Amino acid sequence: YYDPLHPVNMQNQPDIQLMQRNDVI
């Protein structure tokens, strides 16, 4: 759940995500 790319953190995000450019947490 600390993973920014885990499904619970991916609502309304693009289908392919880079960790470095993800700011959901």
PDB file of all heavy atoms in Angstrom:
ATOM      1  N   TYR A   1       0.814  -1.216   0.000  1.00  0.00           N
ATOM      2  CA  TYR A   1       0.000   0.000   0.000  1.00  0.00           C
ATOM      3  C   TYR A   1       0.852   1.272   0.000  1.00  0.00           C
ATOM      4  O   TYR A   1       0.323   2.373  -0.103  1.00  0.00           O
ATOM      5  CB  TYR A   1      -0.967  -0.015   1.175  1.00  0.00           C
ATOM      6  CG  TYR A   1      -2.003  -1.107   1.035  1.00  0.00           C
ATOM      7  CD1 TYR A   1      -2.207  -2.036   2.051  1.00  0.00           C
ATOM      8  CD2 TYR A   1      -2.761  -1.241  -0.125  1.00  0.00           C
ATOM      9  CE1 TYR A   1      -3.151  -3.051   1.921  1.00  0.00           C
ATOM     10  CE2 TYR A   1      -3.698  -2.254  -0.273  1.00  0.00           C
ATOM     11  CZ  TYR A   1      -3.880  -3.148   0.757  1.00  0.00           C
ATOM     12  OH  TYR A   1      -4.810  -4.163   0.623  1.00  0.00           O
ATOM     13  N   TYR A   2       2.163   1.114   0.142  1.00  0.00           N
ATOM     14  CA  TYR A   2       3.067   2.249  -0.060  1.00  0.00           C
ATOM     15  C   TYR A   2       3.426   2.407  -1.533  1.00  0.00           C
ATOM     16  O   TYR A   2       4.017   3.417  -1.925  1.00  0.00           O
ATOM     17  CB  TYR A   2       4.363   2.041   0.737  1.00  0.00           C
ATOM     18  CG  TYR A   2       4.197   2.177   2.235  1.00  0.00           C
ATOM     19  CD1 TYR A   2       4.010   1.054   3.033  1.00  0.00           C
ATOM     20  CD2 TYR A   2       4.232   3.426   2.851  1.00  0.00           C
ATOM     21  CE1 TYR A   2       3.862   1.165   4.409  1.00  0.00           C
ATOM     22  CE2 TYR A   2       4.085   3.558   4.219  1.00  0.00           C
ATOM     23  CZ  TYR A   2       3.899   2.422   4.998  1.00  0.00           C
ATOM     24  OH  TYR A   2       3.751   2.548   6.350  1.00  0.00           O
ATOM     25  N   ASP A   3       3.101   1.404  -2.311  1.00  0.00           N
ATOM     26  CA  ASP A   3       3.436   1.399  -3.736  1.00  0.00           C
ATOM     27  C   ASP A   3       2.508   2.357  -4.490  1.00  0.00           C
ATOM     28  O   ASP A   3       1.297   2.141  -4.531  1.00  0.00           O
ATOM     29  CB  ASP A   3       3.273  -0.022  -4.283  1.00  0.00           C
ATOM     30  CG  ASP A   3       3.648  -0.144  -5.756  1.00  0.00           C
ATOM     31  OD1 ASP A   3       4.050   0.874  -6.353  1.00  0.00           O
ATOM     32  OD2 ASP A   3       3.538  -1.266  -6.289  1.00  0.00           O
ATOM     33  N   PRO A   4       3.041   3.419  -5.097  1.00  0.00           N
ATOM     34  CA  PRO A   4       2.174   4.360  -5.814  1.00  0.00           C
ATOM     35  C   PRO A   4       1.464   3.732  -7.005  1.00  0.00           C
ATOM     36  O   PRO A   4       0.478   4.279  -7.498  1.00  0.00           O
ATOM     37  CB  PRO A   4       3.141   5.460  -6.269  1.00  0.00           C
ATOM     38  CG  PRO A   4       4.489   4.830  -6.248  1.00  0.00           C
ATOM     39  CD  PRO A   4       4.463   3.814  -5.147  1.00  0.00           C
ATOM     40  N   LEU A   5       1.944   2.556  -7.468  1.00  0.00           N
ATOM     41  CA  LEU A   5       1.352   1.918  -8.632  1.00  0.00           C
ATOM     42  C   LEU A   5       0.440   0.745  -8.273  1.00  0.00           C
ATOM     43  O   LEU A   5      -0.023   0.029  -9.162  1.00  0.00           O
ATOM     44  CB  LEU A   5       2.466   1.445  -9.587  1.00  0.00           C
ATOM     45  CG  LEU A   5       3.470   2.517 -10.005  1.00  0.00           C
ATOM     46  CD1 LEU A   5       4.426   1.969 -11.057  1.00  0.00           C
ATOM     47  CD2 LEU A   5       2.763   3.755 -10.522  1.00  0.00           C
ATOM     48  N   HIS A   6       0.173   0.551  -6.988  1.00  0.00           N
ATOM     49  CA  HIS A   6      -0.778  -0.480  -6.556  1.00  0.00           C
ATOM     50  C   HIS A   6      -2.184  -0.082  -7.019  1.00  0.00           C
ATOM     51  O   HIS A   6      -2.503   1.106  -7.100  1.00  0.00           O
ATOM     52  CB  HIS A   6      -0.738  -0.607  -5.026  1.00  0.00           C
ATOM     53  CG  HIS A   6      -1.569  -1.714  -4.484  1.00  0.00           C
ATOM     54  ND1 HIS A   6      -2.937  -1.596  -4.307  1.00  0.00           N
ATOM     55  CD2 HIS A   6      -1.255  -2.970  -4.089  1.00  0.00           C
ATOM     56  CE1 HIS A   6      -3.414  -2.731  -3.815  1.00  0.00           C
ATOM     57  NE2 HIS A   6      -2.412  -3.577  -3.675  1.00  0.00           N
ATOM     58  N   PRO A   7      -3.062  -1.078  -7.322  1.00  0.00           N
ATOM     59  CA  PRO A   7      -4.409  -0.744  -7.835  1.00  0.00           C
ATOM     60  C   PRO A   7      -5.197   0.253  -6.986  1.00  0.00           C
ATOM     61  O   PRO A   7      -5.929   1.086  -7.537  1.00  0.00           O
ATOM     62  CB  PRO A   7      -5.112  -2.104  -7.867  1.00  0.00           C
ATOM     63  CG  PRO A   7      -4.017  -3.094  -8.054  1.00  0.00           C
ATOM     64  CD  PRO A   7      -2.834  -2.533  -7.319  1.00  0.00           C
ATOM     65  N   VAL A   8      -5.055   0.202  -5.655  1.00  0.00           N
ATOM     66  CA  VAL A   8      -5.832   1.121  -4.812  1.00  0.00           C
ATOM     67  C   VAL A   8      -5.423   2.572  -5.032  1.00  0.00           C
ATOM     68  O   VAL A   8      -6.179   3.491  -4.704  1.00  0.00           O
ATOM     69  CB  VAL A   8      -5.705   0.766  -3.317  1.00  0.00           C
ATOM     70  CG1 VAL A   8      -6.235  -0.618  -3.034  1.00  0.00           C
ATOM     71  CG2 VAL A   8      -4.265   0.892  -2.837  1.00  0.00           C
ATOM     72  N   ASN A   9      -4.239   2.785  -5.578  1.00  0.00           N
ATOM     73  CA  ASN A   9      -3.750   4.151  -5.808  1.00  0.00           C
ATOM     74  C   ASN A   9      -3.883   4.597  -7.254  1.00  0.00           C
ATOM     75  O   ASN A   9      -3.434   5.689  -7.606  1.00  0.00           O
ATOM     76  CB  ASN A   9      -2.274   4.252  -5.404  1.00  0.00           C
ATOM     77  CG  ASN A   9      -2.051   3.964  -3.940  1.00  0.00           C
ATOM     78  OD1 ASN A   9      -2.818   4.410  -3.094  1.00  0.00           O
ATOM     79  ND2 ASN A   9      -1.002   3.215  -3.626  1.00  0.00           N
ATOM     80  N   MET A  10      -4.519   3.762  -8.081  1.00  0.00           N
ATOM     81  CA  MET A  10      -4.482   4.003  -9.518  1.00  0.00           C
ATOM     82  C   MET A  10      -5.801   4.490 -10.119  1.00  0.00           C
ATOM     83  O   MET A  10      -5.967   4.472 -11.326  1.00  0.00           O
ATOM     84  CB  MET A  10      -4.035   2.734 -10.240  1.00  0.00           C
ATOM     85  CG  MET A  10      -2.567   2.376 -10.008  1.00  0.00           C
ATOM     86  SD  MET A  10      -1.452   3.680 -10.537  1.00  0.00           S
ATOM     87  CE  MET A  10      -1.794   3.682 -12.282  1.00  0.00           C
ATOM     88  N   GLN A  11      -6.730   4.909  -9.299  1.00  0.00           N
ATOM     89  CA  GLN A  11      -7.994   5.404  -9.848  1.00  0.00           C
ATOM     90  C   GLN A  11      -7.746   6.648 -10.695  1.00  0.00           C
ATOM     91  O   GLN A  11      -7.010   7.551 -10.311  1.00  0.00           O
ATOM     92  CB  GLN A  11      -8.962   5.735  -8.720  1.00  0.00           C
ATOM     93  CG  GLN A  11      -9.410   4.515  -7.934  1.00  0.00           C
ATOM     94  CD  GLN A  11     -10.426   4.866  -6.867  1.00  0.00           C
ATOM     95  OE1 GLN A  11     -10.836   6.004  -6.733  1.00  0.00           O
ATOM     96  NE2 GLN A  11     -10.834   3.861  -6.116  1.00  0.00           N
ATOM     97  N   ASN A  12      -8.386   6.656 -11.868  1.00  0.00           N
ATOM     98  CA  ASN A  12      -8.300   7.792 -12.798  1.00  0.00           C
ATOM     99  C   ASN A  12      -6.887   8.071 -13.280  1.00  0.00           C
ATOM    100  O   ASN A  12      -6.562   9.195 -13.662  1.00  0.00           O
ATOM    101  CB  ASN A  12      -8.879   9.058 -12.154  1.00  0.00           C
ATOM    102  CG  ASN A  12     -10.314   8.870 -11.715  1.00  0.00           C
ATOM    103  OD1 ASN A  12     -11.122   8.288 -12.431  1.00  0.00           O
ATOM    104  ND2 ASN A  12     -10.637   9.356 -10.523  1.00  0.00           N
ATOM    105  N   GLN A  13      -6.037   7.042 -13.272  1.00  0.00           N
ATOM    106  CA  GLN A  13      -4.675   7.174 -13.771  1.00  0.00           C
ATOM    107  C   GLN A  13      -4.561   6.446 -15.115  1.00  0.00           C
ATOM    108  O   GLN A  13      -5.310   5.513 -15.390  1.00  0.00           O
ATOM    109  CB  GLN A  13      -3.672   6.585 -12.778  1.00  0.00           C
ATOM    110  CG  GLN A  13      -3.670   7.249 -11.416  1.00  0.00           C
ATOM    111  CD  GLN A  13      -3.215   8.698 -11.488  1.00  0.00           C
ATOM    112  OE1 GLN A  13      -2.228   9.022 -12.149  1.00  0.00           O
ATOM    113  NE2 GLN A  13      -3.942   9.577 -10.829  1.00  0.00           N
ATOM    114  N   PRO A  14      -3.604   6.854 -15.959  1.00  0.00           N
ATOM    115  CA  PRO A  14      -3.396   6.149 -17.238  1.00  0.00           C
ATOM    116  C   PRO A  14      -3.095   4.670 -17.025  1.00  0.00           C
ATOM    117  O   PRO A  14      -2.602   4.264 -15.963  1.00  0.00           O
ATOM    118  CB  PRO A  14      -2.197   6.885 -17.844  1.00  0.00           C
ATOM    119  CG  PRO A  14      -2.239   8.241 -17.233  1.00  0.00           C
ATOM    120  CD  PRO A  14      -2.739   8.041 -15.835  1.00  0.00           C
ATOM    121  N   ASP A  15      -3.356   3.854 -18.037  1.00  0.00           N
ATOM    122  CA  ASP A  15      -3.187   2.401 -17.937  1.00  0.00           C
ATOM    123  C   ASP A  15      -1.735   1.989 -17.746  1.00  0.00           C
ATOM    124  O   ASP A  15      -1.456   0.921 -17.208  1.00  0.00           O
ATOM    125  CB  ASP A  15      -3.718   1.716 -19.199  1.00  0.00           C
ATOM    126  CG  ASP A  15      -5.202   1.931 -19.392  1.00  0.00           C
ATOM    127  OD1 ASP A  15      -5.843   2.466 -18.466  1.00  0.00           O
ATOM    128  OD2 ASP A  15      -5.726   1.573 -20.462  1.00  0.00           O
ATOM    129  N   ILE A  16      -0.803   2.799 -18.210  1.00  0.00           N
ATOM    130  CA  ILE A  16       0.625   2.514 -18.055  1.00  0.00           C
ATOM    131  C   ILE A  16       1.242   3.651 -17.245  1.00  0.00           C
ATOM    132  O   ILE A  16       1.113   4.820 -17.611  1.00  0.00           O
ATOM    133  CB  ILE A  16       1.326   2.374 -19.415  1.00  0.00           C
ATOM    134  CG1 ILE A  16       0.700   1.236 -20.218  1.00  0.00           C
ATOM    135  CG2 ILE A  16       2.828   2.121 -19.220  1.00  0.00           C
ATOM    136  CD1 ILE A  16       1.177   1.140 -21.646  1.00  0.00           C
ATOM    137  N   GLN A  17       1.882   3.283 -16.135  1.00  0.00           N
ATOM    138  CA  GLN A  17       2.382   4.293 -15.216  1.00  0.00           C
ATOM    139  C   GLN A  17       3.859   4.087 -14.895  1.00  0.00           C
ATOM    140  O   GLN A  17       4.310   2.961 -14.656  1.00  0.00           O
ATOM    141  CB  GLN A  17       1.593   4.234 -13.904  1.00  0.00           C
ATOM    142  CG  GLN A  17       0.256   4.945 -13.966  1.00  0.00           C
ATOM    143  CD  GLN A  17       0.420   6.448 -13.887  1.00  0.00           C
ATOM    144  OE1 GLN A  17       0.996   6.987 -12.942  1.00  0.00           O
ATOM    145  NE2 GLN A  17      -0.083   7.140 -14.900  1.00  0.00           N
ATOM    146  N   LEU A  18       4.604   5.181 -14.868  1.00  0.00           N
ATOM    147  CA  LEU A  18       5.987   5.191 -14.398  1.00  0.00           C
ATOM    148  C   LEU A  18       5.991   5.659 -12.948  1.00  0.00           C
ATOM    149  O   LEU A  18       5.315   6.630 -12.605  1.00  0.00           O
ATOM    150  CB  LEU A  18       6.841   6.136 -15.229  1.00  0.00           C
ATOM    151  CG  LEU A  18       6.843   5.955 -16.746  1.00  0.00           C
ATOM    152  CD1 LEU A  18       7.715   7.011 -17.400  1.00  0.00           C
ATOM    153  CD2 LEU A  18       7.339   4.570 -17.110  1.00  0.00           C
ATOM    154  N   MET A  19       6.741   4.983 -12.095  1.00  0.00           N
ATOM    155  CA  MET A  19       6.756   5.365 -10.690  1.00  0.00           C
ATOM    156  C   MET A  19       7.287   6.779 -10.492  1.00  0.00           C
ATOM    157  O   MET A  19       6.754   7.558  -9.693  1.00  0.00           O
ATOM    158  CB  MET A  19       7.607   4.393  -9.883  1.00  0.00           C
ATOM    159  CG  MET A  19       7.514   4.650  -8.382  1.00  0.00           C
ATOM    160  SD  MET A  19       8.625   3.612  -7.414  1.00  0.00           S
ATOM    161  CE  MET A  19      10.203   4.359  -7.836  1.00  0.00           C
ATOM    162  N   GLN A  20       8.345   7.117 -11.224  1.00  0.00           N
ATOM    163  CA  GLN A  20       8.986   8.416 -11.019  1.00  0.00           C
ATOM    164  C   GLN A  20       8.055   9.581 -11.359  1.00  0.00           C
ATOM    165  O   GLN A  20       8.231  10.686 -10.856  1.00  0.00           O
ATOM    166  CB  GLN A  20      10.260   8.507 -11.868  1.00  0.00           C
ATOM    167  CG  GLN A  20      11.322   7.476 -11.501  1.00  0.00           C
ATOM    168  CD  GLN A  20      11.873   7.659 -10.097  1.00  0.00           C
ATOM    169  OE1 GLN A  20      11.746   8.737  -9.506  1.00  0.00           O
ATOM    170  NE2 GLN A  20      12.469   6.622  -9.536  1.00  0.00           N
ATOM    171  N   ARG A  21       7.049   9.339 -12.216  1.00  0.00           N
ATOM    172  CA  ARG A  21       6.162  10.434 -12.626  1.00  0.00           C
ATOM    173  C   ARG A  21       4.767  10.288 -12.031  1.00  0.00           C
ATOM    174  O   ARG A  21       3.820  10.898 -12.511  1.00  0.00           O
ATOM    175  CB  ARG A  21       6.093  10.486 -14.150  1.00  0.00           C
ATOM    176  CG  ARG A  21       7.479  10.655 -14.773  1.00  0.00           C
ATOM    177  CD  ARG A  21       7.416  11.041 -16.220  1.00  0.00           C
ATOM    178  NE  ARG A  21       8.753  11.167 -16.777  1.00  0.00           N
ATOM    179  CZ  ARG A  21       9.027  11.623 -17.982  1.00  0.00           C
ATOM    180  NH1 ARG A  21       8.051  11.999 -18.769  1.00  0.00           N
ATOM    181  NH2 ARG A  21      10.272  11.691 -18.417  1.00  0.00           N
ATOM    182  N   ASN A  22       4.658   9.482 -10.994  1.00  0.00           N
ATOM    183  CA  ASN A  22       3.366   9.266 -10.358  1.00  0.00           C
ATOM    184  C   ASN A  22       3.347   9.941  -8.994  1.00  0.00           C
ATOM    185  O   ASN A  22       4.229   9.700  -8.166  1.00  0.00           O
ATOM    186  CB  ASN A  22       3.106   7.756 -10.213  1.00  0.00           C
ATOM    187  CG  ASN A  22       1.736   7.465  -9.651  1.00  0.00           C
ATOM    188  OD1 ASN A  22       1.484   7.704  -8.487  1.00  0.00           O
ATOM    189  ND2 ASN A  22       0.848   6.959 -10.492  1.00  0.00           N
ATOM    190  N   ASP A  23       2.345  10.787  -8.760  1.00  0.00           N
ATOM    191  CA  ASP A  23       2.278  11.556  -7.512  1.00  0.00           C
ATOM    192  C   ASP A  23       0.983  11.309  -6.746  1.00  0.00           C
ATOM    193  O   ASP A  23       0.480  12.188  -6.055  1.00  0.00           O
ATOM    194  CB  ASP A  23       2.404  13.059  -7.814  1.00  0.00           C
ATOM    195  CG  ASP A  23       3.723  13.405  -8.484  1.00  0.00           C
ATOM    196  OD1 ASP A  23       4.755  12.876  -8.039  1.00  0.00           O
ATOM    197  OD2 ASP A  23       3.707  14.185  -9.454  1.00  0.00           O
ATOM    198  N   VAL A  24       0.426  10.083  -6.848  1.00  0.00           N
ATOM    199  CA  VAL A  24      -0.863   9.821  -6.216  1.00  0.00           C
ATOM    200  C   VAL A  24      -0.745   9.615  -4.711  1.00  0.00           C
ATOM    201  O   VAL A  24      -1.740   9.687  -3.996  1.00  0.00           O
ATOM    202  CB  VAL A  24      -1.569   8.600  -6.855  1.00  0.00           C
ATOM    203  CG1 VAL A  24      -1.883   8.861  -8.306  1.00  0.00           C
ATOM    204  CG2 VAL A  24      -0.722   7.339  -6.698  1.00  0.00           C
ATOM    205  N   ILE A  25       0.457   9.337  -4.206  1.00  0.00           N
ATOM    206  CA  ILE A  25       0.652   9.222  -2.761  1.00  0.00           C
ATOM    207  C   ILE A  25       1.676  10.264  -2.332  1.00  0.00           C
ATOM    208  O   ILE A  25       2.359  10.868  -3.153  1.00  0.00           O
ATOM    209  CB  ILE A  25       1.109   7.810  -2.344  1.00  0.00           C
ATOM    210  CG1 ILE A  25       2.509   7.493  -2.896  1.00  0.00           C
ATOM    211  CG2 ILE A  25       0.119   6.759  -2.801  1.00  0.00           C
ATOM    212  CD1 ILE A  25       3.087   6.199  -2.371  1.00  0.00           C
TER     213      ILE A  25
END
